[in-house]
Amino acid sequence: MPNFDNGVDSYIIGHCEIEVSFPVDYKGRADITCNQCPYYGRSSKTCQLNKQVVHYPEKYIGVYCPLTFEEKEYRNEQSDMCSR
């Protein structure tokens, strides 16, 4: 069992990769806002990934959002079938 009575010598860092999907309407407009993210805590108004308060979550993503975005788009196969 570790003993931290004299402090901490170093840390071992763990990493995690997550993926979040944001909706895009039929006109190609994406709703990339904290309100659409499952990691946004509505009652606390904070990001559950970085514990920062998010301002205007219905309009923007937080300043310290840890997500990076790519131009790849995944189509909803069920909605494609409905439009045929």
N, C-alpha and C. Protein backbone atom coordinates (compact mmCIF):
# COMPACT_ATOMS: atom_id res chain seq x y z
N MET A 1 0.84 -1.17 0.00
CA MET A 1 0.00 0.00 0.00
C MET A 1 0.89 1.25 0.00
N PRO A 2 0.65 2.21 -0.94
CA PRO A 2 1.47 3.42 -0.99
C PRO A 2 1.34 4.26 0.28
N ASN A 3 2.43 4.96 0.59
CA ASN A 3 2.44 5.84 1.75
C ASN A 3 2.78 7.25 1.27
N PHE A 4 1.82 8.18 1.37
CA PHE A 4 2.00 9.55 0.90
C PHE A 4 2.21 10.53 2.05
N ASP A 5 2.68 10.05 3.20
CA ASP A 5 2.92 10.92 4.35
C ASP A 5 3.94 12.03 4.03
N ASN A 6 4.91 11.72 3.18
CA ASN A 6 5.96 12.69 2.83
C ASN A 6 5.70 13.38 1.49
N GLY A 7 4.51 13.21 0.94
CA GLY A 7 4.18 13.84 -0.34
C GLY A 7 4.12 12.84 -1.47
N VAL A 8 4.04 13.36 -2.68
CA VAL A 8 3.95 12.56 -3.90
C VAL A 8 5.21 12.77 -4.71
N ASP A 9 5.84 11.69 -5.13
CA ASP A 9 7.07 11.75 -5.91
C ASP A 9 6.78 12.03 -7.38
N SER A 10 5.77 11.38 -7.95
CA SER A 10 5.45 11.56 -9.36
C SER A 10 4.03 11.05 -9.61
N TYR A 11 3.59 11.19 -10.83
CA TYR A 11 2.27 10.70 -11.23
C TYR A 11 2.39 9.82 -12.45
N ILE A 12 1.48 8.89 -12.59
CA ILE A 12 1.33 8.10 -13.80
C ILE A 12 0.06 8.59 -14.46
N ILE A 13 0.16 8.99 -15.72
CA ILE A 13 -0.95 9.60 -16.43
C ILE A 13 -1.72 8.56 -17.23
N GLY A 14 -3.03 8.56 -17.09
CA GLY A 14 -3.91 7.70 -17.89
C GLY A 14 -4.62 8.55 -18.94
N HIS A 15 -4.88 7.98 -20.09
CA HIS A 15 -5.54 8.69 -21.18
C HIS A 15 -6.83 7.99 -21.56
N CYS A 16 -7.75 8.75 -22.09
CA CYS A 16 -9.03 8.21 -22.52
C CYS A 16 -9.42 8.89 -23.82
N GLU A 17 -10.00 8.14 -24.73
CA GLU A 17 -10.49 8.71 -25.98
C GLU A 17 -11.99 8.49 -26.04
N ILE A 18 -12.73 9.56 -26.27
CA ILE A 18 -14.19 9.46 -26.40
C ILE A 18 -14.61 10.01 -27.74
N GLU A 19 -15.83 9.68 -28.13
CA GLU A 19 -16.39 10.17 -29.38
C GLU A 19 -17.79 10.67 -29.10
N VAL A 20 -18.10 11.88 -29.55
CA VAL A 20 -19.42 12.47 -29.36
C VAL A 20 -19.97 12.85 -30.73
N SER A 21 -21.21 12.48 -31.00
CA SER A 21 -21.85 12.82 -32.27
C SER A 21 -22.78 14.00 -32.09
N PHE A 22 -22.66 15.00 -32.96
CA PHE A 22 -23.54 16.16 -32.94
C PHE A 22 -24.44 16.11 -34.17
N PRO A 23 -25.71 16.48 -34.02
CA PRO A 23 -26.65 16.35 -35.15
C PRO A 23 -26.44 17.41 -36.23
N VAL A 24 -26.75 17.00 -37.47
CA VAL A 24 -26.71 17.89 -38.64
C VAL A 24 -28.07 17.79 -39.30
N ASP A 25 -28.71 18.94 -39.59
CA ASP A 25 -30.03 18.90 -40.22
C ASP A 25 -29.92 18.64 -41.72
N TYR A 26 -31.06 18.55 -42.40
CA TYR A 26 -31.06 18.23 -43.83
C TYR A 26 -30.55 19.36 -44.71
N LYS A 27 -30.30 20.52 -44.14
CA LYS A 27 -29.70 21.62 -44.89
C LYS A 27 -28.20 21.71 -44.63
N GLY A 28 -27.65 20.74 -43.88
CA GLY A 28 -26.22 20.69 -43.62
C GLY A 28 -25.76 21.55 -42.45
N ARG A 29 -26.69 22.03 -41.64
CA ARG A 29 -26.32 22.87 -40.49
C ARG A 29 -26.12 21.99 -39.26
N ALA A 30 -24.93 22.05 -38.71
CA ALA A 30 -24.60 21.24 -37.53
C ALA A 30 -24.95 22.00 -36.25
N ASP A 31 -25.38 21.27 -35.25
CA ASP A 31 -25.65 21.86 -33.93
C ASP A 31 -24.55 21.39 -32.99
N ILE A 32 -23.40 22.07 -33.07
CA ILE A 32 -22.25 21.73 -32.23
C ILE A 32 -22.27 22.69 -31.05
N THR A 33 -23.02 22.31 -30.04
CA THR A 33 -23.14 23.10 -28.82
C THR A 33 -23.05 22.17 -27.62
N CYS A 34 -22.73 22.73 -26.49
CA CYS A 34 -22.65 21.91 -25.28
C CYS A 34 -24.00 21.28 -24.94
N ASN A 35 -25.09 21.95 -25.30
CA ASN A 35 -26.42 21.41 -25.04
C ASN A 35 -26.62 20.05 -25.71
N GLN A 36 -25.95 19.79 -26.81
CA GLN A 36 -26.08 18.53 -27.54
C GLN A 36 -25.11 17.46 -27.04
N CYS A 37 -24.21 17.82 -26.15
CA CYS A 37 -23.18 16.89 -25.68
C CYS A 37 -23.66 16.12 -24.45
N PRO A 38 -23.49 14.80 -24.44
CA PRO A 38 -23.92 14.02 -23.27
C PRO A 38 -23.06 14.27 -22.04
N TYR A 39 -21.93 14.96 -22.19
CA TYR A 39 -21.06 15.24 -21.05
C TYR A 39 -21.29 16.62 -20.46
N TYR A 40 -22.33 17.31 -20.93
CA TYR A 40 -22.68 18.60 -20.36
C TYR A 40 -23.67 18.39 -19.22
N GLY A 41 -23.33 18.87 -18.05
CA GLY A 41 -24.21 18.75 -16.88
C GLY A 41 -25.16 19.93 -16.82
N ARG A 42 -26.41 19.70 -17.21
CA ARG A 42 -27.37 20.79 -17.28
C ARG A 42 -27.66 21.42 -15.92
N SER A 43 -27.75 20.62 -14.89
CA SER A 43 -28.08 21.18 -13.57
C SER A 43 -26.93 21.99 -12.99
N SER A 44 -25.70 21.57 -13.24
CA SER A 44 -24.54 22.30 -12.71
C SER A 44 -23.96 23.29 -13.71
N LYS A 45 -24.44 23.23 -14.97
CA LYS A 45 -23.95 24.07 -16.07
C LYS A 45 -22.44 23.94 -16.25
N THR A 46 -21.93 22.72 -16.06
CA THR A 46 -20.50 22.47 -16.22
C THR A 46 -20.26 21.31 -17.18
N CYS A 47 -19.09 21.31 -17.76
CA CYS A 47 -18.64 20.20 -18.58
C CYS A 47 -18.18 19.09 -17.64
N GLN A 48 -18.66 17.90 -17.83
CA GLN A 48 -18.28 16.79 -16.97
C GLN A 48 -16.91 16.22 -17.33
N LEU A 49 -16.34 16.66 -18.45
CA LEU A 49 -15.01 16.20 -18.83
C LEU A 49 -13.91 17.06 -18.22
N ASN A 50 -14.13 18.39 -18.17
CA ASN A 50 -13.08 19.27 -17.65
C ASN A 50 -13.50 20.05 -16.41
N LYS A 51 -14.75 19.86 -15.97
CA LYS A 51 -15.29 20.50 -14.75
C LYS A 51 -15.32 22.02 -14.83
N GLN A 52 -15.36 22.59 -16.02
CA GLN A 52 -15.42 24.04 -16.20
C GLN A 52 -16.86 24.48 -16.43
N VAL A 53 -17.20 25.66 -15.93
CA VAL A 53 -18.52 26.25 -16.18
C VAL A 53 -18.59 26.61 -17.65
N VAL A 54 -19.74 26.33 -18.27
CA VAL A 54 -19.94 26.62 -19.69
C VAL A 54 -20.90 27.80 -19.83
N HIS A 55 -20.47 28.82 -20.56
CA HIS A 55 -21.31 29.98 -20.80
C HIS A 55 -22.02 29.83 -22.13
N TYR A 56 -23.31 30.09 -22.17
CA TYR A 56 -24.14 30.00 -23.37
C TYR A 56 -24.07 28.61 -24.02
N PRO A 57 -24.37 27.56 -23.27
CA PRO A 57 -24.25 26.19 -23.80
C PRO A 57 -25.23 25.87 -24.92
N GLU A 58 -26.29 26.67 -25.05
CA GLU A 58 -27.26 26.44 -26.12
C GLU A 58 -26.80 27.05 -27.44
N LYS A 59 -25.72 27.87 -27.40
CA LYS A 59 -25.23 28.53 -28.62
C LYS A 59 -23.83 28.10 -29.03
N TYR A 60 -22.98 27.76 -28.05
CA TYR A 60 -21.57 27.54 -28.33
C TYR A 60 -21.05 26.29 -27.62
N ILE A 61 -19.77 25.98 -27.89
CA ILE A 61 -19.06 25.00 -27.07
C ILE A 61 -18.19 25.78 -26.09
N GLY A 62 -17.88 25.16 -24.97
CA GLY A 62 -17.10 25.83 -23.94
C GLY A 62 -15.70 26.17 -24.40
N VAL A 63 -15.14 27.21 -23.82
CA VAL A 63 -13.80 27.68 -24.16
C VAL A 63 -12.76 26.57 -23.95
N TYR A 64 -12.95 25.77 -22.92
CA TYR A 64 -11.98 24.72 -22.59
C TYR A 64 -12.45 23.33 -23.02
N CYS A 65 -13.31 23.26 -24.02
CA CYS A 65 -13.82 21.97 -24.50
C CYS A 65 -12.64 21.10 -24.94
N PRO A 66 -12.53 19.87 -24.40
CA PRO A 66 -11.41 19.01 -24.76
C PRO A 66 -11.60 18.26 -26.09
N LEU A 67 -12.78 18.39 -26.71
CA LEU A 67 -13.04 17.68 -27.96
C LEU A 67 -12.33 18.37 -29.12
N THR A 68 -11.83 17.56 -30.04
CA THR A 68 -11.32 18.08 -31.31
C THR A 68 -12.28 17.61 -32.38
N PHE A 69 -12.46 18.40 -33.42
CA PHE A 69 -13.46 18.08 -34.43
C PHE A 69 -12.79 17.82 -35.77
N GLU A 70 -13.38 16.86 -36.50
CA GLU A 70 -12.90 16.53 -37.83
C GLU A 70 -14.05 16.71 -38.80
N GLU A 71 -13.74 16.75 -40.06
CA GLU A 71 -14.75 17.02 -41.08
C GLU A 71 -15.55 15.77 -41.48
N LYS A 72 -15.26 14.64 -40.84
CA LYS A 72 -15.97 13.41 -41.18
C LYS A 72 -17.42 13.51 -40.71
N GLU A 73 -18.34 13.05 -41.56
CA GLU A 73 -19.75 13.09 -41.21
C GLU A 73 -20.33 11.69 -41.34
N TYR A 74 -21.05 11.26 -40.33
CA TYR A 74 -21.71 9.97 -40.35
C TYR A 74 -23.18 10.19 -40.63
N ARG A 75 -23.68 9.52 -41.66
CA ARG A 75 -25.09 9.69 -42.01
C ARG A 75 -25.94 8.70 -41.23
N ASN A 76 -27.11 9.15 -40.87
CA ASN A 76 -28.09 8.32 -40.20
C ASN A 76 -28.76 7.46 -41.27
N GLU A 77 -28.44 6.16 -41.29
CA GLU A 77 -28.96 5.28 -42.33
C GLU A 77 -30.48 5.23 -42.34
N GLN A 78 -31.09 5.29 -41.17
CA GLN A 78 -32.55 5.22 -41.09
C GLN A 78 -33.16 6.46 -41.73
N SER A 79 -32.60 7.65 -41.52
CA SER A 79 -33.16 8.84 -42.13
C SER A 79 -32.91 8.85 -43.63
N ASP A 80 -31.79 8.23 -44.10
CA ASP A 80 -31.55 8.11 -45.52
C ASP A 80 -32.64 7.27 -46.18
N MET A 81 -33.06 6.22 -45.50
CA MET A 81 -34.08 5.34 -46.04
C MET A 81 -35.41 6.07 -46.12
N CYS A 82 -35.69 6.97 -45.18
CA CYS A 82 -36.94 7.70 -45.16
C CYS A 82 -37.00 8.73 -46.29
N SER A 83 -35.86 9.22 -46.73
CA SER A 83 -35.85 10.27 -47.74
C SER A 83 -35.88 9.70 -49.16
N ARG A 84 -35.81 8.40 -49.29
CA ARG A 84 -35.82 7.78 -50.63
C ARG A 84 -37.21 7.62 -51.16
